PDB file of N, CA and C in Angstrom:
ATOM      1  N   MET A   1     131.127 119.156  84.304  1.00  0.00           N
ATOM      2  CA  MET A   1     130.222 120.055  84.974  1.00  0.00           C
ATOM      3  C   MET A   1     128.779 119.693  84.680  1.00  0.00           C
ATOM      4  N   ALA A   2     128.489 119.289  83.453  1.00  0.00           N
ATOM      5  CA  ALA A   2     127.124 118.895  83.105  1.00  0.00           C
ATOM      6  C   ALA A   2     126.687 117.671  83.892  1.00  0.00           C
ATOM      7  N   ASN A   3     127.625 116.707  84.105  1.00  0.00           N
ATOM      8  CA  ASN A   3     127.296 115.514  84.873  1.00  0.00           C
ATOM      9  C   ASN A   3     127.031 115.839  86.333  1.00  0.00           C
ATOM     10  N   GLU A   4     127.732 116.839  86.874  1.00  0.00           N
ATOM     11  CA  GLU A   4     127.482 117.243  88.252  1.00  0.00           C
ATOM     12  C   GLU A   4     126.060 117.747  88.401  1.00  0.00           C
ATOM     13  N   GLU A   5     125.577 118.509  87.417  1.00  0.00           N
ATOM     14  CA  GLU A   5     124.210 119.008  87.461  1.00  0.00           C
ATOM     15  C   GLU A   5     123.210 117.866  87.289  1.00  0.00           C
ATOM     16  N   LYS A   6     123.524 116.916  86.435  1.00  0.00           N
ATOM     17  CA  LYS A   6     122.622 115.798  86.174  1.00  0.00           C
ATOM     18  C   LYS A   6     122.422 114.948  87.432  1.00  0.00           C
ATOM     19  N   PHE A   7     123.479 114.774  88.234  1.00  0.00           N
ATOM     20  CA  PHE A   7     123.408 113.948  89.422  1.00  0.00           C
ATOM     21  C   PHE A   7     123.435 114.777  90.700  1.00  0.00           C
ATOM     22  N   ALA A   8     122.961 116.016  90.626  1.00  0.00           N
ATOM     23  CA  ALA A   8     122.925 116.878  91.805  1.00  0.00           C
ATOM     24  C   ALA A   8     121.924 116.328  92.812  1.00  0.00           C
ATOM     25  N   PRO A   9     122.172 116.540  94.122  1.00  0.00           N
ATOM     26  CA  PRO A   9     121.241 116.055  95.151  1.00  0.00           C
ATOM     27  C   PRO A   9     119.855 116.682  94.978  1.00  0.00           C
ATOM     28  N   VAL A  10     118.846 115.894  95.249  1.00  0.00           N
ATOM     29  CA  VAL A  10     117.474 116.361  95.152  1.00  0.00           C
ATOM     30  C   VAL A  10     117.097 117.005  96.478  1.00  0.00           C
ATOM     31  N   GLU A  11     116.584 118.213  96.413  1.00  0.00           N
ATOM     32  CA  GLU A  11     116.181 118.933  97.621  1.00  0.00           C
ATOM     33  C   GLU A  11     114.763 118.539  98.009  1.00  0.00           C
ATOM     34  N   GLY A  12     114.483 118.573  99.292  1.00  0.00           N
ATOM     35  CA  GLY A  12     113.132 118.304  99.776  1.00  0.00           C
ATOM     36  C   GLY A  12     112.920 116.833 100.082  1.00  0.00           C
ATOM     37  N   LYS A  13     111.645 116.474 100.225  1.00  0.00           N
ATOM     38  CA  LYS A  13     111.292 115.098 100.553  1.00  0.00           C
ATOM     39  C   LYS A  13     111.192 114.258  99.293  1.00  0.00           C
ATOM     40  N   TYR A  14     111.513 112.989  99.437  1.00  0.00           N
ATOM     41  CA  TYR A  14     111.403 112.064  98.313  1.00  0.00           C
ATOM     42  C   TYR A  14     110.987 110.705  98.857  1.00  0.00           C
ATOM     43  N   LEU A  15     110.629 109.830  97.970  1.00  0.00           N
ATOM     44  CA  LEU A  15     110.131 108.514  98.320  1.00  0.00           C
ATOM     45  C   LEU A  15     111.271 107.587  98.711  1.00  0.00           C
ATOM     46  N   ASN A  16     111.055 106.768  99.735  1.00  0.00           N
ATOM     47  CA  ASN A  16     111.984 105.701 100.092  1.00  0.00           C
ATOM     48  C   ASN A  16     111.317 104.376  99.781  1.00  0.00           C
ATOM     49  N   TYR A  17     112.055 103.471  99.166  1.00  0.00           N
ATOM     50  CA  TYR A  17     111.570 102.126  98.886  1.00  0.00           C
ATOM     51  C   TYR A  17     112.579 101.158  99.476  1.00  0.00           C
ATOM     52  N   LEU A  18     112.152 100.322 100.407  1.00  0.00           N
ATOM     53  CA  LEU A  18     113.028  99.401 101.129  1.00  0.00           C
ATOM     54  C   LEU A  18     114.235 100.137 101.725  1.00  0.00           C
ATOM     55  N   ASP A  19     113.943 101.266 102.363  1.00  0.00           N
ATOM     56  CA  ASP A  19     114.934 102.101 103.060  1.00  0.00           C
ATOM     57  C   ASP A  19     115.996 102.711 102.150  1.00  0.00           C
ATOM     58  N   GLN A  20     115.711 102.815 100.871  1.00  0.00           N
ATOM     59  CA  GLN A  20     116.619 103.460  99.921  1.00  0.00           C
ATOM     60  C   GLN A  20     115.865 104.566  99.187  1.00  0.00           C
ATOM     61  N   PRO A  21     116.511 105.690  98.891  1.00  0.00           N
ATOM     62  CA  PRO A  21     115.854 106.768  98.148  1.00  0.00           C
ATOM     63  C   PRO A  21     115.469 106.326  96.738  1.00  0.00           C
ATOM     64  N   LEU A  22     114.283 106.748  96.305  1.00  0.00           N
ATOM     65  CA  LEU A  22     113.775 106.459  94.960  1.00  0.00           C
ATOM     66  C   LEU A  22     113.258 107.770  94.388  1.00  0.00           C
ATOM     67  N   VAL A  23     113.900 108.245  93.321  1.00  0.00           N
ATOM     68  CA  VAL A  23     113.567 109.540  92.738  1.00  0.00           C
ATOM     69  C   VAL A  23     113.346 109.370  91.246  1.00  0.00           C
ATOM     70  N   ARG A  24     112.245 109.967  90.750  1.00  0.00           N
ATOM     71  CA  ARG A  24     111.984 109.918  89.306  1.00  0.00           C
ATOM     72  C   ARG A  24     111.903 111.331  88.768  1.00  0.00           C
ATOM     73  N   GLU A  25     112.586 111.531  87.638  1.00  0.00           N
ATOM     74  CA  GLU A  25     112.474 112.785  86.915  1.00  0.00           C
ATOM     75  C   GLU A  25     112.349 112.451  85.440  1.00  0.00           C
ATOM     76  N   GLY A  26     111.206 112.739  84.873  1.00  0.00           N
ATOM     77  CA  GLY A  26     110.967 112.405  83.473  1.00  0.00           C
ATOM     78  C   GLY A  26     110.982 110.906  83.255  1.00  0.00           C
ATOM     79  N   HIS A  27     111.855 110.437  82.368  1.00  0.00           N
ATOM     80  CA  HIS A  27     111.954 109.012  82.037  1.00  0.00           C
ATOM     81  C   HIS A  27     113.059 108.309  82.818  1.00  0.00           C
ATOM     82  N   THR A  28     113.645 109.000  83.797  1.00  0.00           N
ATOM     83  CA  THR A  28     114.766 108.450  84.554  1.00  0.00           C
ATOM     84  C   THR A  28     114.374 108.238  86.013  1.00  0.00           C
ATOM     85  N   ILE A  29     114.705 107.050  86.528  1.00  0.00           N
ATOM     86  CA  ILE A  29     114.465 106.718  87.934  1.00  0.00           C
ATOM     87  C   ILE A  29     115.815 106.392  88.560  1.00  0.00           C
ATOM     88  N   CYS A  30     116.139 107.057  89.666  1.00  0.00           N
ATOM     89  CA  CYS A  30     117.368 106.775  90.417  1.00  0.00           C
ATOM     90  C   CYS A  30     116.979 106.099  91.718  1.00  0.00           C
ATOM     91  N   TYR A  31     117.693 105.040  92.058  1.00  0.00           N
ATOM     92  CA  TYR A  31     117.417 104.282  93.269  1.00  0.00           C
ATOM     93  C   TYR A  31     118.726 103.998  93.988  1.00  0.00           C
ATOM     94  N   GLY A  32     118.732 104.230  95.276  1.00  0.00           N
ATOM     95  CA  GLY A  32     119.897 103.910  96.084  1.00  0.00           C
ATOM     96  C   GLY A  32     120.490 105.145  96.722  1.00  0.00           C
ATOM     97  N   ASP A  33     121.314 104.906  97.698  1.00  0.00           N
ATOM     98  CA  ASP A  33     121.971 105.954  98.456  1.00  0.00           C
ATOM     99  C   ASP A  33     123.299 106.285  97.796  1.00  0.00           C
ATOM    100  N   LYS A  34     123.491 107.539  97.406  1.00  0.00           N
ATOM    101  CA  LYS A  34     124.707 107.922  96.691  1.00  0.00           C
ATOM    102  C   LYS A  34     125.926 107.971  97.603  1.00  0.00           C
ATOM    103  N   SER A  35     125.727 107.794  98.905  1.00  0.00           N
ATOM    104  CA  SER A  35     126.883 107.682  99.796  1.00  0.00           C
ATOM    105  C   SER A  35     127.433 106.250  99.788  1.00  0.00           C
ATOM    106  N   GLU A  36     126.679 105.323  99.201  1.00  0.00           N
ATOM    107  CA  GLU A  36     127.152 103.942  99.019  1.00  0.00           C
ATOM    108  C   GLU A  36     128.116 103.904  97.831  1.00  0.00           C
ATOM    109  N   LYS A  37     128.686 102.752  97.577  1.00  0.00           N
ATOM    110  CA  LYS A  37     129.635 102.567  96.481  1.00  0.00           C
ATOM    111  C   LYS A  37     128.977 102.803  95.116  1.00  0.00           C
ATOM    112  N   CYS A  38     127.729 102.320  94.948  1.00  0.00           N
ATOM    113  CA  CYS A  38     127.019 102.403  93.669  1.00  0.00           C
ATOM    114  C   CYS A  38     125.559 102.788  93.893  1.00  0.00           C
ATOM    115  N   PHE A  39     124.911 103.233  92.831  1.00  0.00           N
ATOM    116  CA  PHE A  39     123.471 103.442  92.842  1.00  0.00           C
ATOM    117  C   PHE A  39     122.908 102.970  91.505  1.00  0.00           C
ATOM    118  N   LEU A  40     121.590 102.934  91.417  1.00  0.00           N
ATOM    119  CA  LEU A  40     120.899 102.351  90.267  1.00  0.00           C
ATOM    120  C   LEU A  40     120.198 103.434  89.461  1.00  0.00           C
ATOM    121  N   ILE A  41     120.308 103.335  88.140  1.00  0.00           N
ATOM    122  CA  ILE A  41     119.555 104.207  87.235  1.00  0.00           C
ATOM    123  C   ILE A  41     118.705 103.322  86.336  1.00  0.00           C
ATOM    124  N   LEU A  42     117.419 103.613  86.303  1.00  0.00           N
ATOM    125  CA  LEU A  42     116.489 102.938  85.390  1.00  0.00           C
ATOM    126  C   LEU A  42     116.012 103.983  84.385  1.00  0.00           C
ATOM    127  N   GLU A  43     116.269 103.744  83.123  1.00  0.00           N
ATOM    128  CA  GLU A  43     115.879 104.666  82.061  1.00  0.00           C
ATOM    129  C   GLU A  43     114.736 104.027  81.273  1.00  0.00           C
ATOM    130  N   ILE A  44     113.567 104.676  81.279  1.00  0.00           N
ATOM    131  CA  ILE A  44     112.407 104.159  80.550  1.00  0.00           C
ATOM    132  C   ILE A  44     112.610 104.477  79.072  1.00  0.00           C
ATOM    133  N   MET A  45     112.762 103.434  78.274  1.00  0.00           N
ATOM    134  CA  MET A  45     113.056 103.601  76.851  1.00  0.00           C
ATOM    135  C   MET A  45     111.790 103.620  75.989  1.00  0.00           C
ATOM    136  N   SER A  46     110.751 102.890  76.428  1.00  0.00           N
ATOM    137  CA  SER A  46     109.498 102.874  75.665  1.00  0.00           C
ATOM    138  C   SER A  46     108.328 102.582  76.597  1.00  0.00           C
ATOM    139  N   TYR A  47     107.150 102.907  76.118  1.00  0.00           N
ATOM    140  CA  TYR A  47     105.912 102.684  76.864  1.00  0.00           C
ATOM    141  C   TYR A  47     104.983 101.802  76.046  1.00  0.00           C
ATOM    142  N   LYS A  48     104.036 101.157  76.730  1.00  0.00           N
ATOM    143  CA  LYS A  48     102.992 100.410  76.036  1.00  0.00           C
ATOM    144  C   LYS A  48     101.650 100.838  76.614  1.00  0.00           C
ATOM    145  N   LYS A  49     100.617 100.763  75.790  1.00  0.00           N
ATOM    146  CA  LYS A  49      99.255 101.112  76.214  1.00  0.00           C
ATOM    147  C   LYS A  49      98.604  99.898  76.841  1.00  0.00           C
ATOM    148  N   GLU A  50      98.045 100.081  78.024  1.00  0.00           N
ATOM    149  CA  GLU A  50      97.302  99.016  78.670  1.00  0.00           C
ATOM    150  C   GLU A  50      96.137  99.656  79.421  1.00  0.00           C
ATOM    151  N   HIS A  51      94.926  99.239  79.058  1.00  0.00           N
ATOM    152  CA  HIS A  51      93.701  99.795  79.646  1.00  0.00           C
ATOM    153  C   HIS A  51      93.669 101.321  79.539  1.00  0.00           C
ATOM    154  N   GLY A  52      94.141 101.846  78.388  1.00  0.00           N
ATOM    155  CA  GLY A  52      94.108 103.275  78.135  1.00  0.00           C
ATOM    156  C   GLY A  52      95.196 104.071  78.847  1.00  0.00           C
ATOM    157  N   ARG A  53      96.143 103.412  79.479  1.00  0.00           N
ATOM    158  CA  ARG A  53      97.216 104.100  80.193  1.00  0.00           C
ATOM    159  C   ARG A  53      98.571 103.721  79.602  1.00  0.00           C
ATOM    160  N   ASP A  54      99.510 104.660  79.631  1.00  0.00           N
ATOM    161  CA  ASP A  54     100.875 104.382  79.196  1.00  0.00           C
ATOM    162  C   ASP A  54     101.653 103.792  80.364  1.00  0.00           C
ATOM    163  N   LEU A  55     102.159 102.575  80.180  1.00  0.00           N
ATOM    164  CA  LEU A  55     102.961 101.909  81.200  1.00  0.00           C
ATOM    165  C   LEU A  55     104.370 101.694  80.669  1.00  0.00           C
ATOM    166  N   PRO A  56     105.391 101.846  81.534  1.00  0.00           N
ATOM    167  CA  PRO A  56     106.767 101.602  81.087  1.00  0.00           C
ATOM    168  C   PRO A  56     106.923 100.185  80.549  1.00  0.00           C
ATOM    169  N   ASP A  57     107.574 100.059  79.395  1.00  0.00           N
ATOM    170  CA  ASP A  57     107.776  98.748  78.774  1.00  0.00           C
ATOM    171  C   ASP A  57     109.256  98.376  78.825  1.00  0.00           C
ATOM    172  N   LYS A  58     110.055  98.885  77.918  1.00  0.00           N
ATOM    173  CA  LYS A  58     111.493  98.586  77.885  1.00  0.00           C
ATOM    174  C   LYS A  58     112.223  99.529  78.839  1.00  0.00           C
ATOM    175  N   ILE A  59     113.008  98.932  79.743  1.00  0.00           N
ATOM    176  CA  ILE A  59     113.736  99.700  80.749  1.00  0.00           C
ATOM    177  C   ILE A  59     115.223  99.365  80.640  1.00  0.00           C
ATOM    178  N   LEU A  60     116.066 100.385  80.537  1.00  0.00           N
ATOM    179  CA  LEU A  60     117.510 100.216  80.574  1.00  0.00           C
ATOM    180  C   LEU A  60     117.937 100.276  82.044  1.00  0.00           C
ATOM    181  N   ILE A  61     118.664  99.270  82.495  1.00  0.00           N
ATOM    182  CA  ILE A  61     119.113  99.164  83.884  1.00  0.00           C
ATOM    183  C   ILE A  61     120.614  99.439  83.917  1.00  0.00           C
ATOM    184  N   GLN A  62     121.031 100.364  84.801  1.00  0.00           N
ATOM    185  CA  GLN A  62     122.456 100.650  84.945  1.00  0.00           C
ATOM    186  C   GLN A  62     122.820 100.757  86.417  1.00  0.00           C
ATOM    187  N   VAL A  63     123.837 100.031  86.823  1.00  0.00           N
ATOM    188  CA  VAL A  63     124.446 100.211  88.139  1.00  0.00           C
ATOM    189  C   VAL A  63     125.639 101.120  87.904  1.00  0.00           C
ATOM    190  N   VAL A  64     125.653 102.262  88.607  1.00  0.00           N
ATOM    191  CA  VAL A  64     126.618 103.324  88.348  1.00  0.00           C
ATOM    192  C   VAL A  64     127.472 103.576  89.586  1.00  0.00           C
ATOM    193  N   ASP A  65     128.743 103.855  89.378  1.00  0.00           N
ATOM    194  CA  ASP A  65     129.671 104.203  90.455  1.00  0.00           C
ATOM    195  C   ASP A  65     129.278 105.568  91.025  1.00  0.00           C
ATOM    196  N   SER A  66     129.128 105.669  92.334  1.00  0.00           N
ATOM    197  CA  SER A  66     128.715 106.924  92.970  1.00  0.00           C
ATOM    198  C   SER A  66     129.766 108.016  92.850  1.00  0.00           C
ATOM    199  N   LYS A  67     131.030 107.652  92.861  1.00  0.00           N
ATOM    200  CA  LYS A  67     132.104 108.648  92.773  1.00  0.00           C
ATOM    201  C   LYS A  67     132.296 109.153  91.350  1.00  0.00           C
ATOM    202  N   ASP A  68     132.035 108.297  90.375  1.00  0.00           N
ATOM    203  CA  ASP A  68     132.171 108.665  88.963  1.00  0.00           C
ATOM    204  C   ASP A  68     130.936 108.176  88.204  1.00  0.00           C
ATOM    205  N   PRO A  69     129.885 109.014  88.117  1.00  0.00           N
ATOM    206  CA  PRO A  69     128.635 108.594  87.460  1.00  0.00           C
ATOM    207  C   PRO A  69     128.776 108.185  85.997  1.00  0.00           C
ATOM    208  N   ASN A  70     129.925 108.502  85.371  1.00  0.00           N
ATOM    209  CA  ASN A  70     130.153 108.064  83.993  1.00  0.00           C
ATOM    210  C   ASN A  70     130.603 106.613  83.928  1.00  0.00           C
ATOM    211  N   LYS A  71     130.995 106.043  85.075  1.00  0.00           N
ATOM    212  CA  LYS A  71     131.472 104.659  85.123  1.00  0.00           C
ATOM    213  C   LYS A  71     130.295 103.725  85.402  1.00  0.00           C
ATOM    214  N   ILE A  72     129.937 102.938  84.396  1.00  0.00           N
ATOM    215  CA  ILE A  72     128.830 101.993  84.517  1.00  0.00           C
ATOM    216  C   ILE A  72     129.402 100.645  84.938  1.00  0.00           C
ATOM    217  N   ILE A  73     128.944 100.138  86.078  1.00  0.00           N
ATOM    218  CA  ILE A  73     129.421  98.875  86.627  1.00  0.00           C
ATOM    219  C   ILE A  73     128.768  97.691  85.913  1.00  0.00           C
ATOM    220  N   LYS A  74     127.455  97.798  85.702  1.00  0.00           N
ATOM    221  CA  LYS A  74     126.703  96.721  85.039  1.00  0.00           C
ATOM    222  C   LYS A  74     125.523  97.358  84.311  1.00  0.00           C
ATOM    223  N   GLN A  75     125.168  96.785  83.165  1.00  0.00           N
ATOM    224  CA  GLN A  75     124.087  97.340  82.357  1.00  0.00           C
ATOM    225  C   GLN A  75     123.305  96.224  81.683  1.00  0.00           C
ATOM    226  N   GLY A  76     122.010  96.421  81.551  1.00  0.00           N
ATOM    227  CA  GLY A  76     121.148  95.466  80.869  1.00  0.00           C
ATOM    228  C   GLY A  76     119.790  96.084  80.637  1.00  0.00           C
ATOM    229  N   ASP A  77     118.854  95.290  80.176  1.00  0.00           N
ATOM    230  CA  ASP A  77     117.493  95.795  79.990  1.00  0.00           C
ATOM    231  C   ASP A  77     116.487  94.711  80.308  1.00  0.00           C
ATOM    232  N   LYS A  78     115.296  95.148  80.640  1.00  0.00           N
ATOM    233  CA  LYS A  78     114.177  94.248  80.954  1.00  0.00           C
ATOM    234  C   LYS A  78     112.893  94.878  80.445  1.00  0.00           C
ATOM    235  N   SER A  79     111.886  94.054  80.283  1.00  0.00           N
ATOM    236  CA  SER A  79     110.542  94.529  79.968  1.00  0.00           C
ATOM    237  C   SER A  79     109.774  94.681  81.269  1.00  0.00           C
ATOM    238  N   GLY A  80     109.185  95.843  81.449  1.00  0.00           N
ATOM    239  CA  GLY A  80     108.371  96.098  82.629  1.00  0.00           C
ATOM    240  C   GLY A  80     109.178  96.693  83.771  1.00  0.00           C
ATOM    241  N   LEU A  81     108.593  97.672  84.429  1.00  0.00           N
ATOM    242  CA  LEU A  81     109.270  98.360  85.517  1.00  0.00           C
ATOM    243  C   LEU A  81     109.526  97.441  86.703  1.00  0.00           C
ATOM    244  N   HIS A  82     108.583  96.583  87.023  1.00  0.00           N
ATOM    245  CA  HIS A  82     108.741  95.662  88.150  1.00  0.00           C
ATOM    246  C   HIS A  82     109.942  94.741  87.938  1.00  0.00           C
ATOM    247  N   ASN A  83     110.019  94.138  86.767  1.00  0.00           N
ATOM    248  CA  ASN A  83     111.137  93.238  86.448  1.00  0.00           C
ATOM    249  C   ASN A  83     112.472  93.979  86.471  1.00  0.00           C
ATOM    250  N   ALA A  84     112.489  95.186  85.912  1.00  0.00           N
ATOM    251  CA  ALA A  84     113.725  95.965  85.850  1.00  0.00           C
ATOM    252  C   ALA A  84     114.183  96.378  87.243  1.00  0.00           C
ATOM    253  N   LEU A  85     113.257  96.815  88.082  1.00  0.00           N
ATOM    254  CA  LEU A  85     113.625  97.232  89.431  1.00  0.00           C
ATOM    255  C   LEU A  85     114.131  96.055  90.250  1.00  0.00           C
ATOM    256  N   ASN A  86     113.465  94.918  90.145  1.00  0.00           N
ATOM    257  CA  ASN A  86     113.923  93.732  90.874  1.00  0.00           C
ATOM    258  C   ASN A  86     115.328  93.307  90.438  1.00  0.00           C
ATOM    259  N   MET A  87     115.556  93.242  89.148  1.00  0.00           N
ATOM    260  CA  MET A  87     116.880  92.861  88.644  1.00  0.00           C
ATOM    261  C   MET A  87     117.920  93.891  89.064  1.00  0.00           C
ATOM    262  N   GLY A  88     117.605  95.154  88.904  1.00  0.00           N
ATOM    263  CA  GLY A  88     118.526  96.218  89.269  1.00  0.00           C
ATOM    264  C   GLY A  88     118.877  96.214  90.744  1.00  0.00           C
ATOM    265  N   MET A  89     117.915  95.928  91.605  1.00  0.00           N
ATOM    266  CA  MET A  89     118.175  95.884  93.042  1.00  0.00           C
ATOM    267  C   MET A  89     119.128  94.748  93.401  1.00  0.00           C
ATOM    268  N   ILE A  90     119.002  93.623  92.721  1.00  0.00           N
ATOM    269  CA  ILE A  90     119.922  92.496  92.945  1.00  0.00           C
ATOM    270  C   ILE A  90     121.329  92.893  92.517  1.00  0.00           C
ATOM    271  N   TRP A  91     121.468  93.480  91.328  1.00  0.00           N
ATOM    272  CA  TRP A  91     122.773  93.911  90.845  1.00  0.00           C
ATOM    273  C   TRP A  91     123.376  94.958  91.783  1.00  0.00           C
ATOM    274  N   LEU A  92     122.542  95.888  92.237  1.00  0.00           N
ATOM    275  CA  LEU A  92     123.016  96.963  93.116  1.00  0.00           C
ATOM    276  C   LEU A  92     123.531  96.406  94.435  1.00  0.00           C
ATOM    277  N   GLU A  93     122.790  95.491  95.011  1.00  0.00           N
ATOM    278  CA  GLU A  93     123.212  94.882  96.272  1.00  0.00           C
ATOM    279  C   GLU A  93     124.559  94.177  96.109  1.00  0.00           C
ATOM    280  N   ARG A  94     124.710  93.436  95.038  1.00  0.00           N
ATOM    281  CA  ARG A  94     125.969  92.721  94.783  1.00  0.00           C
ATOM    282  C   ARG A  94     127.122  93.693  94.548  1.00  0.00           C
ATOM    283  N   ALA A  95     126.873  94.750  93.815  1.00  0.00           N
ATOM    284  CA  ALA A  95     127.928  95.730  93.513  1.00  0.00           C
ATOM    285  C   ALA A  95     128.363  96.464  94.790  1.00  0.00           C
ATOM    286  N   ASN A  96     127.434  96.780  95.655  1.00  0.00           N
ATOM    287  CA  ASN A  96     127.769  97.484  96.885  1.00  0.00           C
ATOM    288  C   ASN A  96     128.492  96.589  97.882  1.00  0.00           C
ATOM    289  N   ARG A  97     128.290  95.272  97.791  1.00  0.00           N
ATOM    290  CA  ARG A  97     128.986  94.328  98.679  1.00  0.00           C
ATOM    291  C   ARG A  97     130.400  94.020  98.195  1.00  0.00           C
ATOM    292  N   ALA A  98     130.629  94.146  96.888  1.00  0.00           N
ATOM    293  CA  ALA A  98     131.940  93.781  96.303  1.00  0.00           C
ATOM    294  C   ALA A  98     133.034  94.745  96.705  1.00  0.00           C
TER     295      ALA A  98
END
């Protein structure tokens, strides 16, 4: 029941990136359509200071099964949000095609 609440649909408008939903809540970013086989979770694990601003540094990347969010298809980490999102999108595309 707790997992159902954690992955409940987001109401209202949200951002689309490359025609896929992109939602951030706190340190967690979800990317992808949950009606597909899998979606992507990016968990910001640490931040670094750059020019007086906190920027995401270490990112945990997880490709998750849409039917069972506890089932992790692939997992890894990268430094920087750009690198993590790019890697995660590649993994997500491959997982959804398989």
